[in-house]
Amino acid sequence: MGGEVTGNQVLAPGPNHSPKDRSLSIKIDPAAPGGFVVTSFANDDPLACKDYVRERLGIRWEPTRRPLVDSITRMADRVRKPVAKAGTPPAEYVYKQADGTNYLRVVRPGFYQSHWNGSAWVTGAPKGPKIPYRLPELLEAEHETVFVVEGEKDADNVAALGLTVTTNPGGAGKFTPELAEYFRDRDVYILPDNDEAGAKHAQQVVETVLNVARSVRIVTLPGLPDKGDVSDWLEAGGMVEKLVDIARHTPEIEKTEAHHLVETSAEFIATFVPPDYAIDGLVQRRFCYSLTAPTGHGKTAVALLISAHKALGLPLGNRDVEPGRVLYLAGENPDDVRMRWIALADKMDFDPETIGVHFVAGVKKLSEIAPRIREEVQRIDGGVSLVVVDTSAAFFEGDEENGNVQAGAHARMMRSLVSLPGGPCVLVMCHPVKNAQQDSLLPRGGGAFIAEVDGNLTCWKTDIHWRLEC
């Protein structure tokens, strides 16, 4: 159960709780229905908790039979191995990247996850971003309609009808914000399970995709039993024509209906995404930072060095760097950037023709080319995990750099790049304020710019070395 023995009970994570949770108590009791008693200290549905325990242990419960105490006891020796119902092998579901490469494998029952290291499956979820199930089919769909279900089995059953469908890893309550980009400009139809967890999960999906999707609907299937799902509905005789008709006649969710203003503590923390560092302890993915230095102090040299280390997965000093692809917007003197990049390749001994760094050369209006950039980055395997804007001034579209309104709008334009496929960290190269010294390196322009970014890195060249600080 992923828990631990305490006295005469096992304390383990409850359904849809974190691995560190110990809110579920399980006690073996020969006199109890099924041979055990569960207690949820988190006030979870006790019937759902019992079903959860049976599924994790691979026990098939039939009320007319004797309690399965012996089966439970035998499971103690196999708690780390997925066990299916008698005669049925464990089900395996493989999440593939955009190019069809293996990424994540989920084994049920048990919800065991492993990741693909290039040649074999390794225990544990991948360290990279979460991706939706059936991603290649989702990206290749000729239409923009997609159904969202709660589990991989349901997704496969709906896909067998010829519909585009997906789900998220981890089950109910695990639809994270980084998945939103895959639903941009799509008509999204959510098929929730018929229980409280399903309703909460559907609301989480709505809140995640509503601002990027063309339309969002929660589809209620008629006659669905308690705790039933779309697979149950199909097994009971539901037809694809009926499903599509019900979906089309479901009203869209208005943005004002997406969520209430006052949130409970549980709702407030539900969309929290743990820190995901592009450079360990320095800058995070999906965050936007300025990197400020005077002319001649090495902004571009440092930015290119960071880009190379990111693409190659090489540490920067004593900081680990997770490998990932880079998008470099060379707006200020792209010919100089080309020369520096070729020289850096020779110095670091990497192949500049194959390294995972991509460039946009020359000054262009981001407001005009952003959709095209998004489309082309979508075709890059895994998207990008770092975007470098060189420089902020080169891509400023206003006429008054010191005006707070225009500076704020420009900063928000820079920040919008964090939503590119892959959820990148964005580094914006900035010139400093007039007469700046090493201890006063702030980005030039209205104060609204520095207020909008998540941090300001500074670069200062001395006679001995460069110093990069945050």
Protein backbone atom coordinates (compact mmCIF):
# COMPACT_ATOMS: atom_id res chain seq x y z
CA MET A 1 0.00 0.00 0.00
CA GLY A 2 3.04 2.28 0.02
CA GLY A 3 2.69 2.79 3.76
CA GLU A 4 4.08 1.35 6.97
CA VAL A 5 3.05 -0.96 9.82
CA THR A 6 2.18 0.85 13.04
CA GLY A 7 0.96 -1.35 15.90
CA ASN A 8 -1.86 -3.53 14.61
CA GLN A 9 -2.56 -1.47 11.54
CA VAL A 10 -1.06 -0.26 8.28
CA LEU A 11 -0.99 3.50 7.76
CA ALA A 12 -0.84 4.33 4.06
CA PRO A 13 -1.70 7.03 1.50
CA GLY A 14 -5.43 7.38 0.93
CA PRO A 15 -6.93 7.45 -2.60
CA ASN A 16 -5.43 10.30 -4.67
CA HIS A 17 -3.22 11.42 -1.78
CA SER A 18 0.53 12.04 -1.93
CA PRO A 19 3.00 9.18 -1.27
CA LYS A 20 3.90 10.77 2.08
CA ASP A 21 0.27 10.77 3.23
CA ARG A 22 -0.70 8.43 6.08
CA SER A 23 -4.41 9.19 6.33
CA LEU A 24 -5.65 5.65 5.59
CA SER A 25 -5.70 3.00 8.33
CA ILE A 26 -6.07 -0.68 7.36
CA LYS A 27 -6.62 -3.42 9.96
CA ILE A 28 -7.05 -7.13 9.24
CA ASP A 29 -10.30 -8.37 10.82
CA PRO A 30 -11.61 -11.87 9.95
CA ALA A 31 -15.09 -10.85 11.08
CA ALA A 32 -15.31 -7.80 8.82
CA PRO A 33 -16.74 -7.89 5.26
CA GLY A 34 -13.81 -8.59 2.99
CA GLY A 35 -11.50 -9.45 5.89
CA PHE A 36 -10.28 -5.96 6.77
CA VAL A 37 -11.43 -2.62 8.17
CA VAL A 38 -10.44 0.77 6.77
CA THR A 39 -10.57 4.16 8.44
CA SER A 40 -9.86 7.44 6.67
CA PHE A 41 -8.52 10.25 8.81
CA ALA A 42 -9.05 12.56 5.81
CA ASN A 43 -12.81 11.83 5.70
CA ASP A 44 -12.56 10.03 2.36
CA ASP A 45 -15.51 7.86 1.32
CA PRO A 46 -15.05 4.57 3.25
CA LEU A 47 -16.46 2.49 0.37
CA ALA A 48 -14.09 4.17 -2.06
CA CYS A 49 -11.23 3.47 0.37
CA LYS A 50 -12.13 -0.22 0.51
CA ASP A 51 -12.28 -0.42 -3.27
CA TYR A 52 -8.92 1.36 -3.39
CA VAL A 53 -7.33 -1.18 -1.03
CA ARG A 54 -8.75 -4.12 -3.00
CA GLU A 55 -7.48 -2.67 -6.27
CA ARG A 56 -4.00 -2.05 -4.89
CA LEU A 57 -3.84 -5.61 -3.54
CA GLY A 58 -5.39 -7.24 -6.59
CA ILE A 59 -8.25 -8.71 -4.57
CA ARG A 60 -11.52 -9.55 -6.24
CA TRP A 61 -14.25 -9.17 -3.64
CA GLU A 62 -17.53 -11.05 -3.94
CA PRO A 63 -19.87 -10.66 -0.92
CA THR A 64 -21.14 -14.25 -1.16
CA ARG A 65 -17.66 -15.65 -0.48
CA ARG A 66 -15.73 -15.88 2.77
CA PRO A 67 -13.55 -12.94 3.70
CA LEU A 68 -10.25 -13.04 1.88
CA VAL A 69 -8.03 -12.77 4.94
CA ASP A 70 -5.52 -15.30 3.61
CA SER A 71 -5.26 -13.38 0.34
CA ILE A 72 -4.51 -10.17 2.19
CA THR A 73 -1.84 -11.86 4.30
CA ARG A 74 -0.16 -13.32 1.23
CA MET A 75 -0.05 -9.88 -0.33
CA ALA A 76 2.42 -8.74 2.34
CA ASP A 77 5.16 -10.63 0.51
CA ARG A 78 4.25 -9.03 -2.80
CA VAL A 79 3.26 -5.50 -1.89
CA ARG A 80 5.66 -3.95 -4.42
CA LYS A 81 4.44 -6.08 -7.33
CA PRO A 82 1.27 -5.31 -9.30
CA VAL A 83 -1.22 -8.16 -8.92
CA ALA A 84 -4.28 -8.37 -11.13
CA LYS A 85 -7.54 -10.23 -10.73
CA ALA A 86 -7.22 -14.00 -11.02
CA GLY A 87 -6.45 -15.01 -14.58
CA THR A 88 -5.98 -11.43 -15.74
CA PRO A 89 -2.48 -10.04 -16.35
CA PRO A 90 -1.67 -6.53 -15.11
CA ALA A 91 -2.62 -3.81 -17.60
CA GLU A 92 0.23 -1.68 -18.94
CA TYR A 93 -0.28 1.78 -20.43
CA VAL A 94 2.58 3.56 -22.18
CA TYR A 95 2.77 7.34 -22.54
CA LYS A 96 4.69 8.32 -25.67
CA GLN A 97 6.30 11.61 -26.62
CA ALA A 98 5.31 13.56 -29.72
CA ASP A 99 7.65 11.51 -31.92
CA GLY A 100 6.38 8.18 -30.57
CA THR A 101 9.33 7.60 -28.20
CA ASN A 102 8.47 5.78 -24.97
CA TYR A 103 8.26 8.12 -21.96
CA LEU A 104 6.17 6.77 -19.07
CA ARG A 105 4.69 3.36 -18.31
CA VAL A 106 1.82 2.89 -15.86
CA VAL A 107 0.94 -0.59 -14.58
CA ARG A 108 -2.47 -1.20 -13.07
CA PRO A 109 -3.64 -2.30 -10.61
CA GLY A 110 -1.16 -0.60 -8.37
CA PHE A 111 -0.50 2.60 -10.33
CA TYR A 112 3.19 1.68 -10.60
CA GLN A 113 5.15 4.06 -12.81
CA SER A 114 8.43 3.64 -14.65
CA HIS A 115 10.28 5.77 -17.21
CA TRP A 116 12.14 4.94 -20.41
CA ASN A 117 15.90 5.57 -20.27
CA GLY A 118 16.45 4.97 -23.98
CA SER A 119 16.84 1.21 -23.80
CA ALA A 120 14.82 -0.10 -20.85
CA TRP A 121 12.11 0.78 -18.33
CA VAL A 122 13.42 2.14 -15.03
CA THR A 123 11.38 2.34 -11.83
CA GLY A 124 9.96 5.77 -11.07
CA ALA A 125 8.24 8.54 -13.00
CA PRO A 126 10.30 10.55 -15.52
CA LYS A 127 11.91 13.77 -14.30
CA GLY A 128 10.71 15.71 -17.33
CA PRO A 129 7.39 17.48 -17.78
CA LYS A 130 4.09 15.62 -17.58
CA ILE A 131 2.57 14.77 -20.95
CA PRO A 132 -0.95 13.62 -21.81
CA TYR A 133 -1.76 10.03 -22.67
CA ARG A 134 -1.94 9.21 -26.43
CA LEU A 135 0.01 12.41 -27.23
CA PRO A 136 1.02 11.47 -30.82
CA GLU A 137 -2.63 10.77 -31.71
CA LEU A 138 -3.67 14.02 -30.04
CA LEU A 139 -1.17 16.05 -32.09
CA GLU A 140 -1.95 14.26 -35.35
CA ALA A 141 -5.74 14.65 -35.08
CA GLU A 142 -7.17 16.40 -38.11
CA HIS A 143 -9.91 18.03 -36.05
CA GLU A 144 -9.68 20.13 -32.89
CA THR A 145 -12.12 18.11 -30.77
CA VAL A 146 -10.70 16.11 -27.87
CA PHE A 147 -12.34 14.09 -25.10
CA VAL A 148 -10.74 14.00 -21.64
CA VAL A 149 -11.35 10.98 -19.40
CA GLU A 150 -10.05 9.96 -15.98
CA GLY A 151 -7.96 6.90 -16.78
CA GLU A 152 -5.94 5.17 -19.49
CA LYS A 153 -8.40 2.27 -19.84
CA ASP A 154 -11.24 4.70 -20.52
CA ALA A 155 -9.04 6.59 -23.00
CA ASP A 156 -8.30 3.41 -24.97
CA ASN A 157 -11.98 2.43 -25.00
CA VAL A 158 -13.06 5.84 -26.30
CA ALA A 159 -10.22 5.87 -28.84
CA ALA A 160 -11.50 2.54 -30.18
CA LEU A 161 -14.62 4.43 -31.26
CA GLY A 162 -12.53 6.61 -33.56
CA LEU A 163 -12.51 9.66 -31.27
CA THR A 164 -9.53 11.75 -30.15
CA VAL A 165 -9.13 11.25 -26.42
CA THR A 166 -6.55 11.67 -23.69
CA THR A 167 -6.03 11.57 -19.95
CA ASN A 168 -3.35 12.56 -17.46
CA PRO A 169 -0.88 10.46 -15.48
CA GLY A 170 -1.61 9.91 -11.81
CA GLY A 171 -5.40 9.69 -11.95
CA ALA A 172 -7.98 12.02 -10.44
CA GLY A 173 -6.73 15.31 -9.03
CA LYS A 174 -3.43 15.18 -10.95
CA PHE A 175 -4.29 17.30 -14.02
CA THR A 176 -1.43 19.80 -13.70
CA PRO A 177 -1.14 23.27 -15.32
CA GLU A 178 1.71 22.16 -17.61
CA LEU A 179 -0.80 20.04 -19.56
CA ALA A 180 -2.87 23.08 -20.54
CA GLU A 181 -0.85 23.92 -23.65
CA TYR A 182 -1.90 20.69 -25.38
CA PHE A 183 -5.51 21.90 -25.39
CA ARG A 184 -4.93 25.33 -26.89
CA ASP A 185 -7.66 26.32 -29.37
CA ARG A 186 -9.40 22.93 -29.01
CA ASP A 187 -12.99 22.01 -28.20
CA VAL A 188 -12.63 20.00 -24.99
CA TYR A 189 -15.27 17.50 -23.79
CA ILE A 190 -14.71 16.14 -20.27
CA LEU A 191 -16.19 12.73 -19.40
CA PRO A 192 -15.98 12.53 -15.57
CA ASP A 193 -16.43 9.43 -13.42
CA ASN A 194 -19.73 9.47 -11.54
CA ASP A 195 -18.42 10.16 -8.03
CA GLU A 196 -17.16 13.05 -5.93
CA ALA A 197 -13.56 12.53 -6.99
CA GLY A 198 -14.64 12.55 -10.64
CA ALA A 199 -16.55 15.81 -10.20
CA LYS A 200 -13.56 17.47 -8.52
CA HIS A 201 -11.24 16.18 -11.22
CA ALA A 202 -13.49 17.54 -13.97
CA GLN A 203 -13.47 20.94 -12.29
CA GLN A 204 -9.68 20.82 -12.11
CA VAL A 205 -9.50 20.11 -15.85
CA VAL A 206 -11.87 23.01 -16.52
CA GLU A 207 -9.81 25.45 -14.48
CA THR A 208 -6.61 24.28 -16.17
CA VAL A 209 -7.66 24.50 -19.82
CA LEU A 210 -10.47 27.07 -19.90
CA ASN A 211 -8.24 30.04 -20.69
CA VAL A 212 -6.47 28.30 -23.59
CA ALA A 213 -9.18 26.05 -25.08
CA ARG A 214 -11.70 27.24 -27.65
CA SER A 215 -14.53 25.71 -25.65
CA VAL A 216 -14.91 23.41 -22.65
CA ARG A 217 -17.82 21.17 -21.68
CA ILE A 218 -18.45 18.65 -18.89
CA VAL A 219 -20.50 15.83 -20.43
CA THR A 220 -22.92 13.91 -18.20
CA LEU A 221 -23.72 10.42 -19.51
CA PRO A 222 -27.30 9.25 -18.80
CA GLY A 223 -27.81 6.12 -16.70
CA LEU A 224 -24.22 6.05 -15.41
CA PRO A 225 -24.09 4.01 -12.16
CA ASP A 226 -22.60 5.37 -8.97
CA LYS A 227 -18.81 5.46 -9.39
CA GLY A 228 -19.30 4.44 -13.01
CA ASP A 229 -17.24 5.75 -15.92
CA VAL A 230 -17.51 5.99 -19.69
CA SER A 231 -16.26 2.40 -20.04
CA ASP A 232 -19.22 1.20 -17.93
CA TRP A 233 -21.54 3.26 -20.12
CA LEU A 234 -20.14 1.72 -23.28
CA GLU A 235 -20.32 -1.82 -21.83
CA ALA A 236 -23.99 -1.18 -21.04
CA GLY A 237 -24.70 -0.58 -24.74
CA GLY A 238 -23.74 3.06 -25.23
CA MET A 239 -23.00 3.91 -28.86
CA VAL A 240 -20.53 6.37 -30.31
CA GLU A 241 -23.29 8.24 -32.17
CA LYS A 242 -25.14 8.76 -28.89
CA LEU A 243 -21.98 9.86 -27.11
CA VAL A 244 -21.19 12.44 -29.79
CA ASP A 245 -24.80 13.69 -29.80
CA ILE A 246 -24.82 14.13 -26.02
CA ALA A 247 -21.48 15.93 -26.16
CA ARG A 248 -22.60 18.33 -28.88
CA HIS A 249 -25.74 19.26 -26.96
CA THR A 250 -23.86 19.94 -23.74
CA PRO A 251 -23.62 23.70 -23.15
CA GLU A 252 -20.22 25.37 -23.04
CA ILE A 253 -18.81 26.50 -19.71
CA GLU A 254 -18.56 30.25 -19.48
CA LYS A 255 -15.32 31.63 -18.10
CA THR A 256 -17.19 33.32 -15.28
CA GLU A 257 -18.53 29.89 -14.27
CA ALA A 258 -15.15 28.19 -14.19
CA HIS A 259 -14.55 28.62 -10.46
CA HIS A 260 -15.77 30.54 -7.48
CA LEU A 261 -13.75 33.45 -6.18
CA VAL A 262 -13.34 32.25 -2.60
CA GLU A 263 -11.40 28.98 -2.50
CA THR A 264 -10.95 26.44 0.25
CA SER A 265 -7.42 25.64 1.35
CA ALA A 266 -7.63 22.36 -0.59
CA GLU A 267 -8.68 24.17 -3.78
CA PHE A 268 -6.01 26.81 -3.30
CA ILE A 269 -3.15 24.28 -3.13
CA ALA A 270 -4.59 21.87 -5.73
CA THR A 271 -2.88 23.57 -8.67
CA PHE A 272 0.50 23.94 -6.97
CA VAL A 273 3.39 22.77 -9.16
CA PRO A 274 6.63 21.95 -7.27
CA PRO A 275 9.77 23.85 -8.33
CA ASP A 276 11.30 22.49 -11.53
CA TYR A 277 14.75 24.01 -11.92
CA ALA A 278 16.26 24.66 -15.33
CA ILE A 279 19.51 25.39 -13.48
CA ASP A 280 19.57 23.82 -10.04
CA GLY A 281 18.79 26.34 -7.31
CA LEU A 282 19.05 29.32 -9.67
CA VAL A 283 16.21 29.58 -12.19
CA GLN A 284 13.00 27.58 -12.56
CA ARG A 285 11.10 26.44 -15.60
CA ARG A 286 7.89 28.37 -16.34
CA PHE A 287 9.40 31.46 -14.69
CA CYS A 288 10.65 34.63 -16.38
CA TYR A 289 13.91 36.33 -15.34
CA SER A 290 15.89 39.32 -16.48
CA LEU A 291 19.70 39.07 -16.83
CA THR A 292 21.13 42.55 -16.55
CA ALA A 293 24.65 43.71 -17.47
CA PRO A 294 26.23 46.81 -19.03
CA THR A 295 27.38 46.72 -22.63
CA GLY A 296 30.65 44.84 -22.90
CA HIS A 297 30.19 42.84 -19.71
CA GLY A 298 29.31 39.56 -21.41
CA LYS A 299 25.52 39.19 -21.50
CA THR A 300 25.57 37.39 -24.82
CA ALA A 301 28.66 35.33 -23.99
CA VAL A 302 27.07 34.14 -20.75
CA ALA A 303 23.69 33.53 -22.42
CA LEU A 304 25.29 31.38 -25.13
CA LEU A 305 27.32 29.49 -22.53
CA ILE A 306 24.17 28.78 -20.51
CA SER A 307 22.40 27.66 -23.70
CA ALA A 308 25.16 25.21 -24.56
CA HIS A 309 25.31 23.79 -21.03
CA LYS A 310 21.52 23.41 -21.02
CA ALA A 311 21.46 21.56 -24.35
CA LEU A 312 24.34 19.30 -23.30
CA GLY A 313 23.22 18.80 -19.70
CA LEU A 314 26.56 20.04 -18.37
CA PRO A 315 26.79 21.55 -14.86
CA LEU A 316 27.42 25.27 -14.45
CA GLY A 317 30.00 25.54 -11.70
CA ASN A 318 28.55 23.52 -8.84
CA ARG A 319 24.97 23.70 -10.15
CA ASP A 320 23.39 20.77 -11.95
CA VAL A 321 21.67 21.50 -15.26
CA GLU A 322 18.83 19.30 -16.50
CA PRO A 323 19.37 18.71 -20.25
CA GLY A 324 16.79 20.22 -22.56
CA ARG A 325 16.32 22.05 -25.83
CA VAL A 326 16.84 25.82 -26.07
CA LEU A 327 15.24 28.57 -28.13
CA TYR A 328 17.51 31.62 -28.59
CA LEU A 329 15.96 34.85 -29.93
CA ALA A 330 18.96 36.64 -31.43
CA GLY A 331 17.47 40.05 -32.00
CA GLU A 332 20.53 42.19 -31.34
CA ASN A 333 23.25 41.70 -33.97
CA PRO A 334 22.56 38.07 -35.00
CA ASP A 335 25.76 37.95 -37.09
CA ASP A 336 27.77 38.58 -33.93
CA VAL A 337 25.82 35.82 -32.18
CA ARG A 338 26.58 33.42 -35.05
CA MET A 339 30.31 34.17 -34.77
CA ARG A 340 30.32 33.74 -31.00
CA TRP A 341 28.32 30.49 -31.24
CA ILE A 342 30.75 28.98 -33.75
CA ALA A 343 33.68 29.98 -31.53
CA LEU A 344 31.99 28.52 -28.44
CA ALA A 345 31.37 25.25 -30.28
CA ASP A 346 35.05 25.01 -31.07
CA LYS A 347 36.04 25.89 -27.49
CA MET A 348 33.59 23.40 -25.89
CA ASP A 349 34.03 20.79 -28.65
CA PHE A 350 30.37 20.31 -29.55
CA ASP A 351 28.80 20.05 -32.99
CA PRO A 352 26.94 23.33 -33.72
CA GLU A 353 24.97 21.59 -36.47
CA THR A 354 23.35 18.99 -34.22
CA ILE A 355 23.20 20.51 -30.72
CA GLY A 356 19.67 21.08 -29.40
CA VAL A 357 19.69 24.88 -29.59
CA HIS A 358 17.33 26.65 -32.01
CA PHE A 359 17.54 30.28 -33.09
CA VAL A 360 15.25 33.05 -34.31
CA ALA A 361 17.49 35.59 -36.06
CA GLY A 362 16.82 39.32 -36.30
CA VAL A 363 14.41 41.80 -34.78
CA LYS A 364 10.78 40.75 -35.20
CA LYS A 365 7.54 41.72 -33.49
CA LEU A 366 6.80 38.99 -30.99
CA SER A 367 3.14 40.01 -30.97
CA GLU A 368 2.99 39.01 -34.64
CA ILE A 369 5.24 35.95 -34.75
CA ALA A 370 4.27 34.36 -31.41
CA PRO A 371 1.68 31.99 -32.95
CA ARG A 372 4.19 30.81 -35.55
CA ILE A 373 6.90 30.31 -32.91
CA ARG A 374 4.46 28.25 -30.84
CA GLU A 375 3.54 26.11 -33.84
CA GLU A 376 7.17 25.45 -34.76
CA VAL A 377 8.26 24.75 -31.17
CA GLN A 378 5.41 22.24 -30.95
CA ARG A 379 7.21 20.21 -33.62
CA ILE A 380 10.43 20.13 -31.57
CA ASP A 381 10.69 16.87 -29.64
CA GLY A 382 9.63 17.66 -26.07
CA GLY A 383 9.36 21.39 -26.76
CA VAL A 384 11.97 23.69 -25.20
CA SER A 385 13.03 24.06 -21.58
CA LEU A 386 14.91 27.37 -21.92
CA VAL A 387 14.20 30.52 -23.95
CA VAL A 388 16.80 33.31 -24.21
CA VAL A 389 15.71 36.76 -25.40
CA ASP A 390 18.75 38.74 -26.58
CA THR A 391 17.95 41.53 -25.88
CA SER A 392 14.87 43.02 -24.20
CA ALA A 393 15.41 46.32 -26.02
CA ALA A 394 15.56 44.60 -29.42
CA PHE A 395 12.07 43.17 -28.95
CA PHE A 396 10.46 46.18 -27.25
CA GLU A 397 7.45 47.21 -29.37
CA GLY A 398 6.58 50.48 -27.66
CA ASP A 399 7.87 54.01 -28.13
CA GLU A 400 8.52 54.96 -24.50
CA GLU A 401 10.82 52.51 -22.72
CA ASN A 402 10.55 54.35 -19.40
CA GLY A 403 6.75 54.38 -19.41
CA ASN A 404 5.31 51.94 -16.87
CA VAL A 405 2.33 50.96 -19.00
CA GLN A 406 4.45 50.00 -22.00
CA ALA A 407 7.17 48.44 -19.83
CA GLY A 408 4.59 46.30 -18.06
CA ALA A 409 3.04 45.18 -21.35
CA HIS A 410 6.50 44.31 -22.67
CA ALA A 411 7.33 42.26 -19.57
CA ARG A 412 4.06 40.33 -19.90
CA MET A 413 4.92 39.62 -23.53
CA MET A 414 8.25 38.18 -22.36
CA ARG A 415 6.49 36.15 -19.68
CA SER A 416 4.05 34.68 -22.22
CA LEU A 417 6.97 32.67 -23.61
CA VAL A 418 6.91 30.42 -20.51
CA SER A 419 3.75 28.83 -21.93
CA LEU A 420 5.55 27.52 -25.02
CA PRO A 421 5.49 23.71 -25.38
CA GLY A 422 7.88 22.25 -22.81
CA GLY A 423 7.19 24.94 -20.17
CA PRO A 424 10.53 26.75 -20.54
CA CYS A 425 12.41 29.09 -18.25
CA VAL A 426 12.74 32.50 -19.96
CA LEU A 427 15.92 34.60 -19.61
CA VAL A 428 15.61 38.17 -20.95
CA MET A 429 18.94 39.95 -21.57
CA CYS A 430 18.61 43.55 -20.35
CA HIS A 431 20.68 46.72 -20.42
CA PRO A 432 20.89 48.44 -17.00
CA VAL A 433 19.68 51.82 -15.83
CA LYS A 434 21.93 54.81 -16.49
CA ASN A 435 25.18 54.99 -14.50
CA ALA A 436 24.58 51.56 -12.96
CA GLN A 437 27.26 50.04 -10.77
CA GLN A 438 27.82 46.43 -9.78
CA ASP A 439 25.47 46.75 -6.79
CA SER A 440 22.72 48.59 -8.70
CA LEU A 441 22.19 46.52 -11.85
CA LEU A 442 18.48 46.89 -12.57
CA PRO A 443 16.87 46.51 -16.03
CA ARG A 444 16.49 49.74 -17.96
CA GLY A 445 12.94 50.97 -18.45
CA GLY A 446 9.84 51.57 -16.38
CA GLY A 447 9.67 50.05 -12.91
CA ALA A 448 6.75 47.92 -14.06
CA PHE A 449 9.18 45.67 -15.95
CA ILE A 450 11.21 44.59 -12.92
CA ALA A 451 7.96 44.20 -10.97
CA GLU A 452 6.66 41.72 -13.55
CA VAL A 453 9.67 39.38 -13.75
CA ASP A 454 10.34 36.65 -11.19
CA GLY A 455 13.95 37.56 -10.55
CA ASN A 456 16.85 39.63 -11.81
CA LEU A 457 20.20 37.99 -12.49
CA THR A 458 23.20 40.29 -12.84
CA CYS A 459 26.43 39.89 -14.75
CA TRP A 460 29.57 41.95 -14.12
CA LYS A 461 32.94 41.49 -15.79
CA THR A 462 36.11 41.99 -13.76
CA ASP A 463 39.74 41.73 -14.82
CA ILE A 464 39.75 38.11 -13.66
CA HIS A 465 36.35 36.59 -14.33
CA TRP A 466 32.68 37.08 -14.90
CA ARG A 467 30.38 36.95 -11.91
CA LEU A 468 26.77 35.85 -12.35
CA GLU A 469 24.46 36.50 -9.40
CA CYS A 470 20.76 36.34 -8.65
